[in-house]
Protein backbone atom coordinates (compact mmCIF):
# COMPACT_ATOMS: atom_id res chain seq x y z
CA UNK A 1 8.79 -6.84 -1.63
CA UNK A 2 7.03 -4.52 1.41
CA UNK A 3 8.70 -4.60 4.48
CA UNK A 4 6.91 -6.18 7.58
CA UNK A 5 6.36 -4.55 11.01
CA UNK A 6 5.43 -6.75 14.03
CA UNK A 7 2.48 -5.99 16.31
CA UNK A 8 5.01 -4.79 19.16
CA UNK A 9 6.73 -2.29 16.77
CA UNK A 10 3.42 -0.82 15.20
CA UNK A 11 1.88 -0.35 18.79
CA UNK A 12 5.21 1.26 19.88
CA UNK A 13 4.87 3.73 16.70
CA UNK A 14 1.13 4.27 17.52
CA UNK A 15 1.39 4.79 20.67
CA UNK A 16 4.23 7.66 20.00
CA UNK A 17 2.59 9.04 16.85
CA UNK A 18 5.39 8.34 14.70
CA UNK A 19 3.26 6.23 12.05
CA UNK A 20 0.19 6.99 9.74
CA UNK A 21 -1.75 3.50 9.97
CA UNK A 22 -3.46 2.84 6.82
CA UNK A 23 -6.81 0.46 6.81
CA UNK A 24 -6.55 -1.55 3.39
CA UNK A 25 -9.99 -2.97 3.93
CA UNK A 26 -12.13 0.06 4.22
CA UNK A 27 -15.99 0.43 3.74
CA UNK A 28 -17.99 -1.38 6.42
CA UNK A 29 -14.81 -3.52 7.98
CA UNK A 30 -13.08 0.11 8.78
CA UNK A 31 -16.69 1.63 9.98
CA UNK A 32 -16.96 -1.65 12.46
CA UNK A 33 -13.43 -1.35 13.75
CA UNK A 34 -10.03 -0.27 13.03
CA UNK A 35 -6.67 0.16 14.36
CA UNK A 36 -6.42 3.62 16.16
CA UNK A 37 -5.83 6.26 14.50
CA UNK A 38 -5.95 4.39 11.09
CA UNK A 39 -7.28 6.06 7.81
CA UNK A 40 -8.94 3.97 5.35
CA UNK A 41 -7.51 3.37 1.60
CA UNK A 42 -8.45 0.58 -0.40
CA UNK A 43 -6.73 -0.31 -3.65
CA UNK A 44 -8.93 1.02 -6.25
CA UNK A 45 -8.65 4.57 -4.26
CA UNK A 46 -5.29 4.96 -4.04
CA UNK A 47 -4.29 6.62 -7.26
CA UNK A 48 -6.78 9.64 -6.68
CA UNK A 49 -6.73 9.76 -2.90
CA UNK A 50 -3.40 8.88 -1.54
CA UNK A 51 -1.82 12.23 -2.23
CA UNK A 52 -4.53 13.85 -0.03
CA UNK A 53 -4.92 11.36 2.55
CA UNK A 54 -1.00 10.80 2.77
CA UNK A 55 0.73 14.10 1.79
CA UNK A 56 3.89 13.29 3.08
CA UNK A 57 5.72 10.57 0.78
CA UNK A 58 8.43 10.54 3.30
CA UNK A 59 6.39 9.60 6.19
CA UNK A 60 6.20 6.30 8.00
CA UNK A 61 3.47 4.57 6.64
CA UNK A 62 2.08 1.13 7.90
CA UNK A 63 -0.88 -1.21 5.90
CA UNK A 64 -2.77 -3.47 7.21
CA UNK A 65 -5.81 -5.84 6.46
CA UNK A 66 -7.59 -9.04 8.11
CA UNK A 67 -4.71 -11.73 8.27
CA UNK A 68 -2.03 -13.41 6.29
CA UNK A 69 -4.33 -14.56 3.80
CA UNK A 70 -5.83 -11.06 3.06
CA UNK A 71 -4.00 -9.44 -0.18
CA UNK A 72 -5.12 -6.17 0.51
CA UNK A 73 -2.66 -4.38 2.45
CA UNK A 74 0.53 -5.99 0.21
CA UNK A 75 -1.23 -4.36 -2.67
CA UNK A 76 -2.07 -1.05 -1.27
CA UNK A 77 1.49 -0.92 0.24
CA UNK A 78 3.02 -1.85 -3.28
CA UNK A 79 0.98 0.85 -5.16
CA UNK A 80 2.33 3.36 -2.56
CA UNK A 81 5.73 2.78 -3.05
CA UNK A 82 5.18 3.00 -6.94
CA UNK A 83 3.88 6.27 -6.49
CA UNK A 84 6.85 7.28 -4.37
CA UNK A 85 6.31 6.84 -0.99
CA UNK A 86 9.42 5.84 0.77
CA UNK A 87 8.60 4.06 4.05
CA UNK A 88 5.88 1.82 3.87
CA UNK A 89 5.55 -1.19 5.33
CA UNK A 90 2.84 -3.66 6.32
CA UNK A 91 1.37 -5.31 9.16
CA UNK A 92 0.89 -9.13 7.47
CA UNK A 93 -0.70 -10.34 10.67
CA UNK A 94 -3.79 -8.03 10.52
CA UNK A 95 -6.20 -6.39 12.63
CA UNK A 96 -7.46 -10.32 13.48
CA UNK A 97 -3.84 -10.84 15.47
CA UNK A 98 -4.18 -6.93 16.89
CA UNK A 99 -7.51 -7.64 18.30
CA UNK A 100 -6.56 -11.41 19.52
CA UNK A 101 -3.99 -9.60 21.45
CA UNK A 102 -6.66 -7.37 23.33
CA UNK A 103 -5.14 -4.21 21.76
CA UNK A 104 -7.52 -1.39 21.32
CA UNK A 105 -9.60 -0.54 18.41
CA UNK A 106 -11.82 2.32 16.87
CA UNK A 107 -14.91 1.86 15.69
CA UNK A 108 -17.49 4.95 13.31
CA UNK A 109 -20.41 2.90 14.40
C-alpha cells in the first residue's frame, strides 16, 4: 500500500521544490486545473511514459486525483512502485481538498 501525505506536508514539499507531483486525472481535468508544477500521467500511460516524465526513480513523487473515492492516484502510485520508483506517496484527499483549502492551482486553459 502506498504511503500517504497530508495537504500541509505536500504544500511544504511543493514550496520547497522537493517533490514531483503527478496528476492522475489527465486530459481535460489536468488542463482545467492541477496542483502547482504537476505533471500529467494516467495509468494507461505509466509504462510508456514514466521514464520520460519521471527520469529519477529515487525522487520524491506524490500522486493525486480528485478525492478519496477516486482510485486513479493509488493505481498510478502502485504502478510506479512496481516499475522501481522508491519514494512514491499519495495525496488521498486530492485536488478537491486542495482547492477547498484555497490553495493555488494552475491551468492550461
